[in-house]
PDB file of N, CA and C in Angstrom:
ATOM      1  N   MET A   1      13.364  15.287  13.675  1.00  0.00           N
ATOM      2  CA  MET A   1      14.780  15.342  13.419  1.00  0.00           C
ATOM      3  C   MET A   1      14.990  15.609  11.937  1.00  0.00           C
ATOM      4  N   ILE A   2      15.964  16.385  11.614  1.00  0.00           N
ATOM      5  CA  ILE A   2      16.316  16.680  10.231  1.00  0.00           C
ATOM      6  C   ILE A   2      17.663  16.031   9.923  1.00  0.00           C
ATOM      7  N   VAL A   3      17.717  15.295   8.825  1.00  0.00           N
ATOM      8  CA  VAL A   3      18.956  14.633   8.407  1.00  0.00           C
ATOM      9  C   VAL A   3      19.340  15.170   7.047  1.00  0.00           C
ATOM     10  N   GLU A   4      20.559  15.617   6.911  1.00  0.00           N
ATOM     11  CA  GLU A   4      21.064  16.097   5.626  1.00  0.00           C
ATOM     12  C   GLU A   4      22.301  15.289   5.261  1.00  0.00           C
ATOM     13  N   PRO A   5      22.133  14.224   4.460  1.00  0.00           N
ATOM     14  CA  PRO A   5      23.288  13.392   4.107  1.00  0.00           C
ATOM     15  C   PRO A   5      24.243  14.137   3.186  1.00  0.00           C
ATOM     16  N   LEU A   6      25.493  13.779   3.270  1.00  0.00           N
ATOM     17  CA  LEU A   6      26.489  14.329   2.357  1.00  0.00           C
ATOM     18  C   LEU A   6      26.402  13.565   1.050  1.00  0.00           C
ATOM     19  N   ASP A   7      26.199  14.261  -0.042  1.00  0.00           N
ATOM     20  CA  ASP A   7      26.040  13.624  -1.335  1.00  0.00           C
ATOM     21  C   ASP A   7      27.285  13.806  -2.198  1.00  0.00           C
ATOM     22  N   ASP A   8      28.409  14.150  -1.584  1.00  0.00           N
ATOM     23  CA  ASP A   8      29.638  14.388  -2.343  1.00  0.00           C
ATOM     24  C   ASP A   8      30.083  13.181  -3.145  1.00  0.00           C
ATOM     25  N   GLU A   9      29.809  11.982  -2.626  1.00  0.00           N
ATOM     26  CA  GLU A   9      30.290  10.781  -3.289  1.00  0.00           C
ATOM     27  C   GLU A   9      29.158   9.905  -3.792  1.00  0.00           C
ATOM     28  N   GLY A  10      27.944  10.447  -3.852  1.00  0.00           N
ATOM     29  CA  GLY A  10      26.827   9.691  -4.380  1.00  0.00           C
ATOM     30  C   GLY A  10      26.177   8.740  -3.400  1.00  0.00           C
ATOM     31  N   TYR A  11      26.508   8.822  -2.127  1.00  0.00           N
ATOM     32  CA  TYR A  11      25.887   7.947  -1.136  1.00  0.00           C
ATOM     33  C   TYR A  11      24.572   8.554  -0.688  1.00  0.00           C
ATOM     34  N   CYS A  12      23.481   7.900  -1.026  1.00  0.00           N
ATOM     35  CA  CYS A  12      22.159   8.417  -0.678  1.00  0.00           C
ATOM     36  C   CYS A  12      21.315   7.400   0.081  1.00  0.00           C
ATOM     37  N   PHE A  13      21.557   6.121  -0.151  1.00  0.00           N
ATOM     38  CA  PHE A  13      20.719   5.086   0.443  1.00  0.00           C
ATOM     39  C   PHE A  13      21.290   4.642   1.784  1.00  0.00           C
ATOM     40  N   PHE A  14      20.433   4.746   2.805  1.00  0.00           N
ATOM     41  CA  PHE A  14      20.846   4.401   4.161  1.00  0.00           C
ATOM     42  C   PHE A  14      19.784   3.537   4.823  1.00  0.00           C
ATOM     43  N   ASP A  15      20.214   2.654   5.715  1.00  0.00           N
ATOM     44  CA  ASP A  15      19.305   1.957   6.603  1.00  0.00           C
ATOM     45  C   ASP A  15      19.148   2.850   7.826  1.00  0.00           C
ATOM     46  N   VAL A  16      17.907   3.055   8.253  1.00  0.00           N
ATOM     47  CA  VAL A  16      17.616   3.973   9.353  1.00  0.00           C
ATOM     48  C   VAL A  16      16.997   3.179  10.497  1.00  0.00           C
ATOM     49  N   LEU A  17      17.538   3.325  11.686  1.00  0.00           N
ATOM     50  CA  LEU A  17      16.989   2.701  12.881  1.00  0.00           C
ATOM     51  C   LEU A  17      16.504   3.806  13.800  1.00  0.00           C
ATOM     52  N   ILE A  18      15.205   3.783  14.109  1.00  0.00           N
ATOM     53  CA  ILE A  18      14.619   4.764  15.018  1.00  0.00           C
ATOM     54  C   ILE A  18      14.340   4.055  16.329  1.00  0.00           C
ATOM     55  N   GLU A  19      14.906   4.563  17.415  1.00  0.00           N
ATOM     56  CA  GLU A  19      14.686   3.973  18.732  1.00  0.00           C
ATOM     57  C   GLU A  19      13.956   4.979  19.612  1.00  0.00           C
ATOM     58  N   TYR A  20      12.837   4.535  20.178  1.00  0.00           N
ATOM     59  CA  TYR A  20      12.019   5.387  21.034  1.00  0.00           C
ATOM     60  C   TYR A  20      12.476   5.291  22.485  1.00  0.00           C
ATOM     61  N   ALA A  21      12.057   6.242  23.294  1.00  0.00           N
ATOM     62  CA  ALA A  21      12.442   6.293  24.706  1.00  0.00           C
ATOM     63  C   ALA A  21      12.024   5.033  25.462  1.00  0.00           C
ATOM     64  N   ASP A  22      10.950   4.376  25.023  1.00  0.00           N
ATOM     65  CA  ASP A  22      10.491   3.166  25.715  1.00  0.00           C
ATOM     66  C   ASP A  22      11.259   1.916  25.283  1.00  0.00           C
ATOM     67  N   GLY A  23      12.235   2.078  24.381  1.00  0.00           N
ATOM     68  CA  GLY A  23      13.055   0.962  23.931  1.00  0.00           C
ATOM     69  C   GLY A  23      12.569   0.296  22.659  1.00  0.00           C
ATOM     70  N   SER A  24      11.377   0.626  22.176  1.00  0.00           N
ATOM     71  CA  SER A  24      10.895   0.039  20.934  1.00  0.00           C
ATOM     72  C   SER A  24      11.660   0.641  19.758  1.00  0.00           C
ATOM     73  N   GLU A  25      11.711  -0.114  18.660  1.00  0.00           N
ATOM     74  CA  GLU A  25      12.496   0.299  17.498  1.00  0.00           C
ATOM     75  C   GLU A  25      11.709   0.115  16.209  1.00  0.00           C
ATOM     76  N   VAL A  26      12.048   0.911  15.212  1.00  0.00           N
ATOM     77  CA  VAL A  26      11.532   0.762  13.852  1.00  0.00           C
ATOM     78  C   VAL A  26      12.739   0.820  12.919  1.00  0.00           C
ATOM     79  N   ALA A  27      12.869  -0.174  12.048  1.00  0.00           N
ATOM     80  CA  ALA A  27      13.966  -0.197  11.087  1.00  0.00           C
ATOM     81  C   ALA A  27      13.409   0.091   9.696  1.00  0.00           C
ATOM     82  N   LEU A  28      14.035   1.012   8.995  1.00  0.00           N
ATOM     83  CA  LEU A  28      13.686   1.349   7.616  1.00  0.00           C
ATOM     84  C   LEU A  28      14.906   1.023   6.761  1.00  0.00           C
ATOM     85  N   TRP A  29      14.708   0.230   5.714  1.00  0.00           N
ATOM     86  CA  TRP A  29      15.828  -0.240   4.916  1.00  0.00           C
ATOM     87  C   TRP A  29      15.941   0.528   3.610  1.00  0.00           C
ATOM     88  N   GLU A  30      17.154   0.883   3.246  1.00  0.00           N
ATOM     89  CA  GLU A  30      17.495   1.514   1.967  1.00  0.00           C
ATOM     90  C   GLU A  30      16.650   2.753   1.672  1.00  0.00           C
ATOM     91  N   VAL A  31      16.619   3.687   2.606  1.00  0.00           N
ATOM     92  CA  VAL A  31      15.910   4.941   2.437  1.00  0.00           C
ATOM     93  C   VAL A  31      16.807   5.901   1.660  1.00  0.00           C
ATOM     94  N   ASP A  32      16.288   6.475   0.594  1.00  0.00           N
ATOM     95  CA  ASP A  32      17.044   7.437  -0.203  1.00  0.00           C
ATOM     96  C   ASP A  32      16.956   8.806   0.471  1.00  0.00           C
ATOM     97  N   LEU A  33      17.918   9.117   1.308  1.00  0.00           N
ATOM     98  CA  LEU A  33      17.899  10.357   2.074  1.00  0.00           C
ATOM     99  C   LEU A  33      18.263  11.584   1.246  1.00  0.00           C
ATOM    100  N   CYS A  34      18.696  11.382   0.007  1.00  0.00           N
ATOM    101  CA  CYS A  34      18.989  12.527  -0.856  1.00  0.00           C
ATOM    102  C   CYS A  34      17.718  13.100  -1.467  1.00  0.00           C
ATOM    103  N   THR A  35      16.681  12.277  -1.612  1.00  0.00           N
ATOM    104  CA  THR A  35      15.444  12.763  -2.213  1.00  0.00           C
ATOM    105  C   THR A  35      14.241  12.668  -1.284  1.00  0.00           C
ATOM    106  N   ALA A  36      14.366  12.015  -0.145  1.00  0.00           N
ATOM    107  CA  ALA A  36      13.238  11.921   0.786  1.00  0.00           C
ATOM    108  C   ALA A  36      12.934  13.306   1.348  1.00  0.00           C
ATOM    109  N   THR A  37      11.667  13.682   1.324  1.00  0.00           N
ATOM    110  CA  THR A  37      11.275  14.973   1.868  1.00  0.00           C
ATOM    111  C   THR A  37      10.711  14.837   3.267  1.00  0.00           C
ATOM    112  N   SER A  38      10.203  13.644   3.603  1.00  0.00           N
ATOM    113  CA  SER A  38       9.733  13.407   4.969  1.00  0.00           C
ATOM    114  C   SER A  38       9.625  11.917   5.228  1.00  0.00           C
ATOM    115  N   VAL A  39       9.765  11.557   6.489  1.00  0.00           N
ATOM    116  CA  VAL A  39       9.568  10.193   6.950  1.00  0.00           C
ATOM    117  C   VAL A  39       8.643  10.275   8.149  1.00  0.00           C
ATOM    118  N   ALA A  40       7.461   9.667   8.047  1.00  0.00           N
ATOM    119  CA  ALA A  40       6.497   9.663   9.143  1.00  0.00           C
ATOM    120  C   ALA A  40       6.386   8.238   9.675  1.00  0.00           C
ATOM    121  N   VAL A  41       6.570   8.080  10.975  1.00  0.00           N
ATOM    122  CA  VAL A  41       6.560   6.761  11.592  1.00  0.00           C
ATOM    123  C   VAL A  41       5.597   6.787  12.767  1.00  0.00           C
ATOM    124  N   ASP A  42       4.756   5.753  12.846  1.00  0.00           N
ATOM    125  CA  ASP A  42       3.944   5.573  14.042  1.00  0.00           C
ATOM    126  C   ASP A  42       4.073   4.121  14.496  1.00  0.00           C
ATOM    127  N   GLU A  43       3.305   3.713  15.473  1.00  0.00           N
ATOM    128  CA  GLU A  43       3.480   2.379  16.040  1.00  0.00           C
ATOM    129  C   GLU A  43       3.034   1.263  15.113  1.00  0.00           C
ATOM    130  N   TRP A  44       2.310   1.585  14.018  1.00  0.00           N
ATOM    131  CA  TRP A  44       1.817   0.555  13.117  1.00  0.00           C
ATOM    132  C   TRP A  44       2.512   0.520  11.772  1.00  0.00           C
ATOM    133  N   ASP A  45       2.995   1.636  11.295  1.00  0.00           N
ATOM    134  CA  ASP A  45       3.490   1.683   9.923  1.00  0.00           C
ATOM    135  C   ASP A  45       4.398   2.893   9.741  1.00  0.00           C
ATOM    136  N   TYR A  46       4.931   3.037   8.544  1.00  0.00           N
ATOM    137  CA  TYR A  46       5.715   4.229   8.218  1.00  0.00           C
ATOM    138  C   TYR A  46       5.413   4.628   6.784  1.00  0.00           C
ATOM    139  N   GLU A  47       5.680   5.887   6.489  1.00  0.00           N
ATOM    140  CA  GLU A  47       5.501   6.418   5.138  1.00  0.00           C
ATOM    141  C   GLU A  47       6.661   7.320   4.802  1.00  0.00           C
ATOM    142  N   ILE A  48       7.266   7.105   3.648  1.00  0.00           N
ATOM    143  CA  ILE A  48       8.368   7.935   3.187  1.00  0.00           C
ATOM    144  C   ILE A  48       7.882   8.709   1.975  1.00  0.00           C
ATOM    145  N   SER A  49       8.006  10.022   2.016  1.00  0.00           N
ATOM    146  CA  SER A  49       7.601  10.877   0.887  1.00  0.00           C
ATOM    147  C   SER A  49       8.862  11.346   0.160  1.00  0.00           C
ATOM    148  N   TYR A  50       8.808  11.289  -1.160  1.00  0.00           N
ATOM    149  CA  TYR A  50       9.918  11.740  -1.989  1.00  0.00           C
ATOM    150  C   TYR A  50       9.485  12.926  -2.832  1.00  0.00           C
ATOM    151  N   MET A  51      10.471  13.709  -3.305  1.00  0.00           N
ATOM    152  CA  MET A  51      10.201  14.884  -4.137  1.00  0.00           C
ATOM    153  C   MET A  51       9.381  14.536  -5.345  1.00  0.00           C
TER     154      MET A  51
END
């Protein structure tokens, strides 16, 4: 999925909830979506890459 936040008012930090088809969830807190280049999530961990 590609997310392009609107940066018109300086809002970049978002809490992200990813819900899988099996009902499991992963919560990511205060992700800077204005500079994040990728978010990789698996069943054990997650990694956020920034510019």
